[in-house]
């Protein structure tokens, strides 16, 4: 799930942006914490395998993770993981790929 997309800086005709992403591993049962942990590890490994998102980003940063036992459902565990994707675009065109740019825009 995308949480936010913010502008970090404007320099000449370039804009530095940060896209916040939240993944949530939801499990239940006697070994819910272990299952959620395995899901979190697998998701993290998959994301970090291509940290520049195929050349679209210049950074993929892990922000945080938070364990949360849910009261609504006996034995349920939710483990939110937050990441930030940093990328650059031109100031007047979010989708333009320009030879002068060292990175490309992410098109959502």
PDB file of N, CA and C in Angstrom:
ATOM      1  N   UNK A   1       0.840  -1.153   0.000  1.00  0.00           N
ATOM      2  CA  UNK A   1       0.000   0.000   0.000  1.00  0.00           C
ATOM      3  C   UNK A   1       0.902   1.239   0.000  1.00  0.00           C
ATOM      4  N   UNK A   2       0.572   2.204  -0.840  1.00  0.00           N
ATOM      5  CA  UNK A   2       1.310   3.461  -0.854  1.00  0.00           C
ATOM      6  C   UNK A   2       0.759   4.363   0.238  1.00  0.00           C
ATOM      7  N   UNK A   3       1.627   4.859   1.107  1.00  0.00           N
ATOM      8  CA  UNK A   3       1.194   5.752   2.182  1.00  0.00           C
ATOM      9  C   UNK A   3       1.259   7.217   1.762  1.00  0.00           C
ATOM     10  N   UNK A   4       2.353   7.592   1.090  1.00  0.00           N
ATOM     11  CA  UNK A   4       2.500   8.990   0.678  1.00  0.00           C
ATOM     12  C   UNK A   4       3.560   9.110  -0.399  1.00  0.00           C
ATOM     13  N   UNK A   5       3.509  10.224  -1.103  1.00  0.00           N
ATOM     14  CA  UNK A   5       4.505  10.563  -2.114  1.00  0.00           C
ATOM     15  C   UNK A   5       4.806  12.043  -1.901  1.00  0.00           C
ATOM     16  N   UNK A   6       6.010  12.346  -1.398  1.00  0.00           N
ATOM     17  CA  UNK A   6       6.323  13.731  -1.045  1.00  0.00           C
ATOM     18  C   UNK A   6       7.516  14.247  -1.838  1.00  0.00           C
ATOM     19  N   UNK A   7       7.587  15.559  -1.942  1.00  0.00           N
ATOM     20  CA  UNK A   7       8.730  16.229  -2.569  1.00  0.00           C
ATOM     21  C   UNK A   7       9.751  16.522  -1.484  1.00  0.00           C
ATOM     22  N   UNK A   8      10.999  16.078  -1.708  1.00  0.00           N
ATOM     23  CA  UNK A   8      12.075  16.315  -0.746  1.00  0.00           C
ATOM     24  C   UNK A   8      12.835  17.593  -1.062  1.00  0.00           C
ATOM     25  N   UNK A   9      13.077  17.834  -2.366  1.00  0.00           N
ATOM     26  CA  UNK A   9      13.862  19.012  -2.764  1.00  0.00           C
ATOM     27  C   UNK A   9      13.613  19.321  -4.236  1.00  0.00           C
ATOM     28  N   UNK A  10      13.789  20.588  -4.583  1.00  0.00           N
ATOM     29  CA  UNK A  10      13.740  21.041  -5.973  1.00  0.00           C
ATOM     30  C   UNK A  10      15.072  21.703  -6.291  1.00  0.00           C
ATOM     31  N   UNK A  11      15.721  21.217  -7.347  1.00  0.00           N
ATOM     32  CA  UNK A  11      16.995  21.787  -7.775  1.00  0.00           C
ATOM     33  C   UNK A  11      16.916  21.984  -9.287  1.00  0.00           C
ATOM     34  N   UNK A  12      16.946  23.257  -9.694  1.00  0.00           N
ATOM     35  CA  UNK A  12      16.814  23.604 -11.107  1.00  0.00           C
ATOM     36  C   UNK A  12      15.551  22.975 -11.681  1.00  0.00           C
ATOM     37  N   UNK A  13      15.675  22.110 -12.678  1.00  0.00           N
ATOM     38  CA  UNK A  13      14.487  21.494 -13.270  1.00  0.00           C
ATOM     39  C   UNK A  13      14.265  20.057 -12.808  1.00  0.00           C
ATOM     40  N   UNK A  14      14.863  19.679 -11.685  1.00  0.00           N
ATOM     41  CA  UNK A  14      14.728  18.325 -11.133  1.00  0.00           C
ATOM     42  C   UNK A  14      14.034  18.376  -9.762  1.00  0.00           C
ATOM     43  N   UNK A  15      13.303  17.306  -9.470  1.00  0.00           N
ATOM     44  CA  UNK A  15      12.621  17.187  -8.185  1.00  0.00           C
ATOM     45  C   UNK A  15      13.010  15.856  -7.554  1.00  0.00           C
ATOM     46  N   UNK A  16      13.440  15.904  -6.299  1.00  0.00           N
ATOM     47  CA  UNK A  16      13.731  14.692  -5.531  1.00  0.00           C
ATOM     48  C   UNK A  16      12.451  14.325  -4.789  1.00  0.00           C
ATOM     49  N   UNK A  17      12.045  13.059  -4.902  1.00  0.00           N
ATOM     50  CA  UNK A  17      10.784  12.617  -4.316  1.00  0.00           C
ATOM     51  C   UNK A  17      10.993  11.393  -3.441  1.00  0.00           C
ATOM     52  N   UNK A  18      10.047  11.184  -2.514  1.00  0.00           N
ATOM     53  CA  UNK A  18      10.066  10.003  -1.641  1.00  0.00           C
ATOM     54  C   UNK A  18       8.678   9.383  -1.627  1.00  0.00           C
ATOM     55  N   UNK A  19       8.618   8.126  -2.004  1.00  0.00           N
ATOM     56  CA  UNK A  19       7.376   7.363  -2.011  1.00  0.00           C
ATOM     57  C   UNK A  19       7.413   6.406  -0.834  1.00  0.00           C
ATOM     58  N   UNK A  20       6.478   6.553   0.107  1.00  0.00           N
ATOM     59  CA  UNK A  20       6.418   5.674   1.281  1.00  0.00           C
ATOM     60  C   UNK A  20       5.492   4.502   0.988  1.00  0.00           C
ATOM     61  N   UNK A  21       5.988   3.307   1.297  1.00  0.00           N
ATOM     62  CA  UNK A  21       5.239   2.079   1.049  1.00  0.00           C
ATOM     63  C   UNK A  21       5.099   1.326   2.358  1.00  0.00           C
ATOM     64  N   UNK A  22       3.903   0.758   2.585  1.00  0.00           N
ATOM     65  CA  UNK A  22       3.676  -0.037   3.797  1.00  0.00           C
ATOM     66  C   UNK A  22       3.180  -1.419   3.392  1.00  0.00           C
ATOM     67  N   UNK A  23       3.872  -2.430   3.869  1.00  0.00           N
ATOM     68  CA  UNK A  23       3.466  -3.817   3.689  1.00  0.00           C
ATOM     69  C   UNK A  23       3.044  -4.342   5.048  1.00  0.00           C
ATOM     70  N   UNK A  24       2.010  -5.182   5.076  1.00  0.00           N
ATOM     71  CA  UNK A  24       1.566  -5.740   6.355  1.00  0.00           C
ATOM     72  C   UNK A  24       1.448  -7.254   6.239  1.00  0.00           C
ATOM     73  N   UNK A  25       2.193  -7.962   7.075  1.00  0.00           N
ATOM     74  CA  UNK A  25       2.079  -9.421   7.177  1.00  0.00           C
ATOM     75  C   UNK A  25       1.067  -9.702   8.274  1.00  0.00           C
ATOM     76  N   UNK A  26      -0.027 -10.390   7.924  1.00  0.00           N
ATOM     77  CA  UNK A  26      -1.070 -10.720   8.897  1.00  0.00           C
ATOM     78  C   UNK A  26      -1.167 -12.235   8.986  1.00  0.00           C
ATOM     79  N   UNK A  27      -1.018 -12.749  10.202  1.00  0.00           N
ATOM     80  CA  UNK A  27      -1.064 -14.191  10.431  1.00  0.00           C
ATOM     81  C   UNK A  27      -1.872 -14.470  11.690  1.00  0.00           C
ATOM     82  N   UNK A  28      -2.215 -15.743  11.873  1.00  0.00           N
ATOM     83  CA  UNK A  28      -2.900 -16.130  13.115  1.00  0.00           C
ATOM     84  C   UNK A  28      -2.562 -17.565  13.454  1.00  0.00           C
ATOM     85  N   UNK A  29      -2.799 -17.909  14.686  1.00  0.00           N
ATOM     86  CA  UNK A  29      -2.523 -19.265  15.132  1.00  0.00           C
ATOM     87  C   UNK A  29      -1.468 -19.287  16.216  1.00  0.00           C
ATOM     88  N   UNK A  30      -1.138 -20.505  16.651  1.00  0.00           N
ATOM     89  CA  UNK A  30      -0.168 -20.658  17.727  1.00  0.00           C
ATOM     90  C   UNK A  30       1.205 -20.106  17.368  1.00  0.00           C
ATOM     91  N   UNK A  31       1.606 -20.235  16.113  1.00  0.00           N
ATOM     92  CA  UNK A  31       2.921 -19.746  15.692  1.00  0.00           C
ATOM     93  C   UNK A  31       2.817 -18.485  14.827  1.00  0.00           C
ATOM     94  N   UNK A  32       1.828 -17.641  15.135  1.00  0.00           N
ATOM     95  CA  UNK A  32       1.575 -16.442  14.333  1.00  0.00           C
ATOM     96  C   UNK A  32       2.782 -15.508  14.255  1.00  0.00           C
ATOM     97  N   UNK A  33       3.495 -15.320  15.356  1.00  0.00           N
ATOM     98  CA  UNK A  33       4.660 -14.438  15.341  1.00  0.00           C
ATOM     99  C   UNK A  33       5.748 -14.991  14.423  1.00  0.00           C
ATOM    100  N   UNK A  34       5.966 -16.292  14.460  1.00  0.00           N
ATOM    101  CA  UNK A  34       6.983 -16.906  13.605  1.00  0.00           C
ATOM    102  C   UNK A  34       6.582 -16.810  12.131  1.00  0.00           C
ATOM    103  N   UNK A  35       5.293 -17.051  11.840  1.00  0.00           N
ATOM    104  CA  UNK A  35       4.807 -16.941  10.466  1.00  0.00           C
ATOM    105  C   UNK A  35       4.973 -15.510   9.942  1.00  0.00           C
ATOM    106  N   UNK A  36       4.588 -14.528  10.757  1.00  0.00           N
ATOM    107  CA  UNK A  36       4.706 -13.123  10.354  1.00  0.00           C
ATOM    108  C   UNK A  36       6.168 -12.759  10.124  1.00  0.00           C
ATOM    109  N   UNK A  37       7.034 -13.265  10.982  1.00  0.00           N
ATOM    110  CA  UNK A  37       8.461 -12.998  10.831  1.00  0.00           C
ATOM    111  C   UNK A  37       8.984 -13.578   9.510  1.00  0.00           C
ATOM    112  N   UNK A  38       8.580 -14.796   9.182  1.00  0.00           N
ATOM    113  CA  UNK A  38       9.007 -15.412   7.911  1.00  0.00           C
ATOM    114  C   UNK A  38       8.498 -14.612   6.713  1.00  0.00           C
ATOM    115  N   UNK A  39       7.239 -14.163   6.778  1.00  0.00           N
ATOM    116  CA  UNK A  39       6.693 -13.336   5.699  1.00  0.00           C
ATOM    117  C   UNK A  39       7.461 -12.021   5.568  1.00  0.00           C
ATOM    118  N   UNK A  40       7.768 -11.392   6.698  1.00  0.00           N
ATOM    119  CA  UNK A  40       8.506 -10.129   6.687  1.00  0.00           C
ATOM    120  C   UNK A  40       9.895 -10.306   6.080  1.00  0.00           C
ATOM    121  N   UNK A  41      10.570 -11.389   6.452  1.00  0.00           N
ATOM    122  CA  UNK A  41      11.909 -11.667   5.913  1.00  0.00           C
ATOM    123  C   UNK A  41      11.835 -11.884   4.405  1.00  0.00           C
ATOM    124  N   UNK A  42      10.843 -12.649   3.944  1.00  0.00           N
ATOM    125  CA  UNK A  42      10.691 -12.910   2.508  1.00  0.00           C
ATOM    126  C   UNK A  42      10.386 -11.631   1.735  1.00  0.00           C
ATOM    127  N   UNK A  43       9.498 -10.792   2.267  1.00  0.00           N
ATOM    128  CA  UNK A  43       9.154  -9.531   1.606  1.00  0.00           C
ATOM    129  C   UNK A  43      10.365  -8.601   1.553  1.00  0.00           C
ATOM    130  N   UNK A  44      11.085  -8.499   2.657  1.00  0.00           N
ATOM    131  CA  UNK A  44      12.268  -7.641   2.713  1.00  0.00           C
ATOM    132  C   UNK A  44      13.324  -8.113   1.703  1.00  0.00           C
ATOM    133  N   UNK A  45      13.555  -9.415   1.668  1.00  0.00           N
ATOM    134  CA  UNK A  45      14.539  -9.972   0.733  1.00  0.00           C
ATOM    135  C   UNK A  45      14.152  -9.673  -0.709  1.00  0.00           C
ATOM    136  N   UNK A  46      12.877  -9.846  -1.044  1.00  0.00           N
ATOM    137  CA  UNK A  46      12.405  -9.578  -2.403  1.00  0.00           C
ATOM    138  C   UNK A  46      12.557  -8.104  -2.771  1.00  0.00           C
ATOM    139  N   UNK A  47      12.210  -7.212  -1.854  1.00  0.00           N
ATOM    140  CA  UNK A  47      12.344  -5.776  -2.132  1.00  0.00           C
ATOM    141  C   UNK A  47      13.804  -5.362  -2.298  1.00  0.00           C
ATOM    142  N   UNK A  48      14.659  -5.809  -1.393  1.00  0.00           N
ATOM    143  CA  UNK A  48      16.046  -5.374  -1.399  1.00  0.00           C
ATOM    144  C   UNK A  48      16.888  -6.032  -2.495  1.00  0.00           C
ATOM    145  N   UNK A  49      16.357  -7.081  -3.098  1.00  0.00           N
ATOM    146  CA  UNK A  49      17.063  -7.743  -4.192  1.00  0.00           C
ATOM    147  C   UNK A  49      17.284  -6.767  -5.354  1.00  0.00           C
ATOM    148  N   UNK A  50      16.338  -5.834  -5.551  1.00  0.00           N
ATOM    149  CA  UNK A  50      16.449  -4.835  -6.615  1.00  0.00           C
ATOM    150  C   UNK A  50      16.213  -3.460  -5.997  1.00  0.00           C
ATOM    151  N   UNK A  51      17.171  -3.011  -5.196  1.00  0.00           N
ATOM    152  CA  UNK A  51      17.000  -1.785  -4.403  1.00  0.00           C
ATOM    153  C   UNK A  51      16.862  -0.518  -5.236  1.00  0.00           C
ATOM    154  N   UNK A  52      17.276  -0.548  -6.507  1.00  0.00           N
ATOM    155  CA  UNK A  52      17.062   0.655  -7.322  1.00  0.00           C
ATOM    156  C   UNK A  52      15.852   0.486  -8.238  1.00  0.00           C
ATOM    157  N   UNK A  53      15.025  -0.499  -7.941  1.00  0.00           N
ATOM    158  CA  UNK A  53      13.742  -0.738  -8.610  1.00  0.00           C
ATOM    159  C   UNK A  53      13.905  -0.722 -10.133  1.00  0.00           C
ATOM    160  N   UNK A  54      14.829  -1.528 -10.608  1.00  0.00           N
ATOM    161  CA  UNK A  54      15.042  -1.637 -12.048  1.00  0.00           C
ATOM    162  C   UNK A  54      15.580  -0.371 -12.685  1.00  0.00           C
ATOM    163  N   UNK A  55      16.274   0.459 -11.900  1.00  0.00           N
ATOM    164  CA  UNK A  55      16.828   1.704 -12.424  1.00  0.00           C
ATOM    165  C   UNK A  55      15.897   2.895 -12.289  1.00  0.00           C
ATOM    166  N   UNK A  56      14.723   2.708 -11.705  1.00  0.00           N
ATOM    167  CA  UNK A  56      13.757   3.796 -11.551  1.00  0.00           C
ATOM    168  C   UNK A  56      14.007   4.646 -10.310  1.00  0.00           C
ATOM    169  N   UNK A  57      14.733   4.111  -9.346  1.00  0.00           N
ATOM    170  CA  UNK A  57      14.954   4.816  -8.082  1.00  0.00           C
ATOM    171  C   UNK A  57      16.445   4.849  -7.774  1.00  0.00           C
ATOM    172  N   UNK A  58      16.839   5.818  -6.931  1.00  0.00           N
ATOM    173  CA  UNK A  58      18.242   5.846  -6.515  1.00  0.00           C
ATOM    174  C   UNK A  58      18.429   5.304  -5.106  1.00  0.00           C
ATOM    175  N   UNK A  59      17.329   5.020  -4.398  1.00  0.00           N
ATOM    176  CA  UNK A  59      17.456   4.441  -3.059  1.00  0.00           C
ATOM    177  C   UNK A  59      16.156   3.766  -2.647  1.00  0.00           C
ATOM    178  N   UNK A  60      16.292   2.663  -1.937  1.00  0.00           N
ATOM    179  CA  UNK A  60      15.180   1.988  -1.279  1.00  0.00           C
ATOM    180  C   UNK A  60      15.601   1.825   0.171  1.00  0.00           C
ATOM    181  N   UNK A  61      14.889   2.496   1.065  1.00  0.00           N
ATOM    182  CA  UNK A  61      15.278   2.539   2.471  1.00  0.00           C
ATOM    183  C   UNK A  61      14.257   1.836   3.350  1.00  0.00           C
ATOM    184  N   UNK A  62      14.734   1.028   4.277  1.00  0.00           N
ATOM    185  CA  UNK A  62      13.859   0.426   5.272  1.00  0.00           C
ATOM    186  C   UNK A  62      13.624   1.466   6.366  1.00  0.00           C
ATOM    187  N   UNK A  63      12.359   1.757   6.660  1.00  0.00           N
ATOM    188  CA  UNK A  63      12.039   2.783   7.665  1.00  0.00           C
ATOM    189  C   UNK A  63      11.817   2.140   9.036  1.00  0.00           C
ATOM    190  N   UNK A  64      10.856   1.217   9.138  1.00  0.00           N
ATOM    191  CA  UNK A  64      10.609   0.568  10.420  1.00  0.00           C
ATOM    192  C   UNK A  64       9.708  -0.644  10.256  1.00  0.00           C
ATOM    193  N   UNK A  65       9.550  -1.380  11.344  1.00  0.00           N
ATOM    194  CA  UNK A  65       8.630  -2.510  11.446  1.00  0.00           C
ATOM    195  C   UNK A  65       8.076  -2.488  12.863  1.00  0.00           C
ATOM    196  N   UNK A  66       6.828  -2.915  13.006  1.00  0.00           N
ATOM    197  CA  UNK A  66       6.207  -2.852  14.335  1.00  0.00           C
ATOM    198  C   UNK A  66       5.351  -4.095  14.559  1.00  0.00           C
ATOM    199  N   UNK A  67       5.643  -4.818  15.624  1.00  0.00           N
ATOM    200  CA  UNK A  67       4.837  -5.992  15.964  1.00  0.00           C
ATOM    201  C   UNK A  67       3.566  -5.542  16.656  1.00  0.00           C
ATOM    202  N   UNK A  68       2.426  -6.175  16.302  1.00  0.00           N
ATOM    203  CA  UNK A  68       1.155  -5.789  16.897  1.00  0.00           C
ATOM    204  C   UNK A  68       0.255  -7.017  17.013  1.00  0.00           C
ATOM    205  N   UNK A  69      -0.046  -7.420  18.229  1.00  0.00           N
ATOM    206  CA  UNK A  69      -0.984  -8.515  18.443  1.00  0.00           C
ATOM    207  C   UNK A  69      -2.394  -7.928  18.414  1.00  0.00           C
ATOM    208  N   UNK A  70      -3.249  -8.447  17.539  1.00  0.00           N
ATOM    209  CA  UNK A  70      -4.602  -7.917  17.371  1.00  0.00           C
ATOM    210  C   UNK A  70      -5.546  -8.493  18.426  1.00  0.00           C
ATOM    211  N   UNK A  71      -6.313  -7.623  19.087  1.00  0.00           N
ATOM    212  CA  UNK A  71      -7.282  -8.065  20.087  1.00  0.00           C
ATOM    213  C   UNK A  71      -8.563  -8.594  19.441  1.00  0.00           C
ATOM    214  N   UNK A  72      -8.886  -8.139  18.249  1.00  0.00           N
ATOM    215  CA  UNK A  72     -10.156  -8.471  17.610  1.00  0.00           C
ATOM    216  C   UNK A  72     -10.260  -9.948  17.241  1.00  0.00           C
ATOM    217  N   UNK A  73      -9.149 -10.590  17.004  1.00  0.00           N
ATOM    218  CA  UNK A  73      -9.173 -11.985  16.563  1.00  0.00           C
ATOM    219  C   UNK A  73      -8.114 -12.750  17.350  1.00  0.00           C
ATOM    220  N   UNK A  74      -8.546 -13.705  18.128  1.00  0.00           N
ATOM    221  CA  UNK A  74      -7.623 -14.457  18.988  1.00  0.00           C
ATOM    222  C   UNK A  74      -6.470 -15.029  18.183  1.00  0.00           C
ATOM    223  N   UNK A  75      -5.282 -14.695  18.597  1.00  0.00           N
ATOM    224  CA  UNK A  75      -4.097 -15.242  17.961  1.00  0.00           C
ATOM    225  C   UNK A  75      -3.638 -14.546  16.701  1.00  0.00           C
ATOM    226  N   UNK A  76      -4.283 -13.457  16.304  1.00  0.00           N
ATOM    227  CA  UNK A  76      -3.879 -12.750  15.077  1.00  0.00           C
ATOM    228  C   UNK A  76      -2.703 -11.821  15.369  1.00  0.00           C
ATOM    229  N   UNK A  77      -1.781 -11.747  14.406  1.00  0.00           N
ATOM    230  CA  UNK A  77      -0.624 -10.863  14.509  1.00  0.00           C
ATOM    231  C   UNK A  77      -0.512 -10.068  13.215  1.00  0.00           C
ATOM    232  N   UNK A  78      -0.285  -8.767  13.336  1.00  0.00           N
ATOM    233  CA  UNK A  78      -0.049  -7.916  12.175  1.00  0.00           C
ATOM    234  C   UNK A  78       1.341  -7.317  12.319  1.00  0.00           C
ATOM    235  N   UNK A  79       2.140  -7.432  11.254  1.00  0.00           N
ATOM    236  CA  UNK A  79       3.492  -6.884  11.260  1.00  0.00           C
ATOM    237  C   UNK A  79       3.633  -5.908  10.093  1.00  0.00           C
ATOM    238  N   UNK A  80       3.432  -4.605  10.356  1.00  0.00           N
ATOM    239  CA  UNK A  80       3.612  -3.610   9.297  1.00  0.00           C
ATOM    240  C   UNK A  80       5.103  -3.328   9.067  1.00  0.00           C
ATOM    241  N   UNK A  81       5.485  -3.261   7.806  1.00  0.00           N
ATOM    242  CA  UNK A  81       6.845  -2.912   7.396  1.00  0.00           C
ATOM    243  C   UNK A  81       6.742  -1.669   6.533  1.00  0.00           C
ATOM    244  N   UNK A  82       7.559  -0.654   6.822  1.00  0.00           N
ATOM    245  CA  UNK A  82       7.522   0.568   6.011  1.00  0.00           C
ATOM    246  C   UNK A  82       8.859   0.776   5.319  1.00  0.00           C
ATOM    247  N   UNK A  83       8.752   1.192   4.046  1.00  0.00           N
ATOM    248  CA  UNK A  83       9.921   1.461   3.211  1.00  0.00           C
ATOM    249  C   UNK A  83       9.725   2.795   2.521  1.00  0.00           C
ATOM    250  N   UNK A  84      10.836   3.376   2.096  1.00  0.00           N
ATOM    251  CA  UNK A  84      10.792   4.626   1.346  1.00  0.00           C
ATOM    252  C   UNK A  84      11.595   4.451   0.063  1.00  0.00           C
ATOM    253  N   UNK A  85      10.973   4.769  -1.064  1.00  0.00           N
ATOM    254  CA  UNK A  85      11.623   4.727  -2.366  1.00  0.00           C
ATOM    255  C   UNK A  85      11.943   6.167  -2.742  1.00  0.00           C
ATOM    256  N   UNK A  86      13.218   6.446  -2.992  1.00  0.00           N
ATOM    257  CA  UNK A  86      13.619   7.802  -3.389  1.00  0.00           C
ATOM    258  C   UNK A  86      13.945   7.810  -4.879  1.00  0.00           C
ATOM    259  N   UNK A  87      13.423   8.813  -5.567  1.00  0.00           N
ATOM    260  CA  UNK A  87      13.615   8.914  -7.009  1.00  0.00           C
ATOM    261  C   UNK A  87      13.580  10.365  -7.453  1.00  0.00           C
ATOM    262  N   UNK A  88      13.956  10.605  -8.699  1.00  0.00           N
ATOM    263  CA  UNK A  88      13.994  11.962  -9.253  1.00  0.00           C
ATOM    264  C   UNK A  88      13.120  12.049 -10.492  1.00  0.00           C
ATOM    265  N   UNK A  89      12.494  13.206 -10.656  1.00  0.00           N
ATOM    266  CA  UNK A  89      11.730  13.497 -11.866  1.00  0.00           C
ATOM    267  C   UNK A  89      12.099  14.894 -12.346  1.00  0.00           C
ATOM    268  N   UNK A  90      11.600  15.237 -13.525  1.00  0.00           N
ATOM    269  CA  UNK A  90      11.712  16.620 -13.956  1.00  0.00           C
ATOM    270  C   UNK A  90      10.600  17.408 -13.278  1.00  0.00           C
ATOM    271  N   UNK A  91      10.810  18.683 -13.095  1.00  0.00           N
ATOM    272  CA  UNK A  91       9.852  19.492 -12.350  1.00  0.00           C
ATOM    273  C   UNK A  91       8.503  19.614 -13.058  1.00  0.00           C
ATOM    274  N   UNK A  92       8.499  19.565 -14.381  1.00  0.00           N
ATOM    275  CA  UNK A  92       7.261  19.784 -15.128  1.00  0.00           C
ATOM    276  C   UNK A  92       6.695  18.516 -15.772  1.00  0.00           C
ATOM    277  N   UNK A  93       7.313  17.360 -15.540  1.00  0.00           N
ATOM    278  CA  UNK A  93       6.840  16.131 -16.171  1.00  0.00           C
ATOM    279  C   UNK A  93       7.255  14.923 -15.336  1.00  0.00           C
ATOM    280  N   UNK A  94       6.285  14.283 -14.692  1.00  0.00           N
ATOM    281  CA  UNK A  94       6.574  13.131 -13.826  1.00  0.00           C
ATOM    282  C   UNK A  94       6.979  11.886 -14.596  1.00  0.00           C
ATOM    283  N   UNK A  95       6.661  11.820 -15.881  1.00  0.00           N
ATOM    284  CA  UNK A  95       6.883  10.583 -16.637  1.00  0.00           C
ATOM    285  C   UNK A  95       8.013  10.672 -17.647  1.00  0.00           C
ATOM    286  N   UNK A  96       8.584  11.823 -17.868  1.00  0.00           N
ATOM    287  CA  UNK A  96       9.585  12.002 -18.920  1.00  0.00           C
ATOM    288  C   UNK A  96      10.897  11.320 -18.561  1.00  0.00           C
ATOM    289  N   UNK A  97      11.422  10.575 -19.512  1.00  0.00           N
ATOM    290  CA  UNK A  97      12.733   9.971 -19.365  1.00  0.00           C
ATOM    291  C   UNK A  97      13.706  10.819 -20.162  1.00  0.00           C
ATOM    292  N   UNK A  98      14.680  11.381 -19.484  1.00  0.00           N
ATOM    293  CA  UNK A  98      15.589  12.343 -20.086  1.00  0.00           C
ATOM    294  C   UNK A  98      17.015  11.833 -19.979  1.00  0.00           C
ATOM    295  N   UNK A  99      17.763  11.901 -21.075  1.00  0.00           N
ATOM    296  CA  UNK A  99      19.149  11.415 -21.077  1.00  0.00           C
ATOM    297  C   UNK A  99      20.017  12.159 -20.072  1.00  0.00           C
ATOM    298  N   UNK A 100      19.667  13.385 -19.729  1.00  0.00           N
ATOM    299  CA  UNK A 100      20.458  14.169 -18.776  1.00  0.00           C
ATOM    300  C   UNK A 100      20.215  13.717 -17.331  1.00  0.00           C
ATOM    301  N   UNK A 101      19.102  13.019 -17.107  1.00  0.00           N
ATOM    302  CA  UNK A 101      18.787  12.569 -15.754  1.00  0.00           C
ATOM    303  C   UNK A 101      19.530  11.277 -15.467  1.00  0.00           C
ATOM    304  N   UNK A 102      20.043  11.180 -14.262  1.00  0.00           N
ATOM    305  CA  UNK A 102      20.742   9.953 -13.898  1.00  0.00           C
ATOM    306  C   UNK A 102      19.755   8.859 -13.472  1.00  0.00           C
ATOM    307  N   UNK A 103      18.507   9.235 -13.198  1.00  0.00           N
ATOM    308  CA  UNK A 103      17.488   8.273 -12.786  1.00  0.00           C
ATOM    309  C   UNK A 103      16.187   8.619 -13.469  1.00  0.00           C
ATOM    310  N   UNK A 104      15.258   7.689 -13.533  1.00  0.00           N
ATOM    311  CA  UNK A 104      13.981   7.867 -14.203  1.00  0.00           C
ATOM    312  C   UNK A 104      12.871   7.990 -13.193  1.00  0.00           C
ATOM    313  N   UNK A 105      11.743   8.499 -13.649  1.00  0.00           N
ATOM    314  CA  UNK A 105      10.570   8.653 -12.789  1.00  0.00           C
ATOM    315  C   UNK A 105       9.897   7.317 -12.602  1.00  0.00           C
ATOM    316  N   UNK A 106       9.308   7.148 -11.441  1.00  0.00           N
ATOM    317  CA  UNK A 106       8.452   5.985 -11.199  1.00  0.00           C
ATOM    318  C   UNK A 106       7.060   6.385 -11.648  1.00  0.00           C
ATOM    319  N   UNK A 107       6.453   5.597 -12.480  1.00  0.00           N
ATOM    320  CA  UNK A 107       5.100   5.871 -12.945  1.00  0.00           C
ATOM    321  C   UNK A 107       4.174   4.963 -12.152  1.00  0.00           C
ATOM    322  N   UNK A 108       3.270   5.568 -11.386  1.00  0.00           N
ATOM    323  CA  UNK A 108       2.357   4.791 -10.543  1.00  0.00           C
ATOM    324  C   UNK A 108       1.125   4.422 -11.340  1.00  0.00           C
TER     325      UNK A 108
END
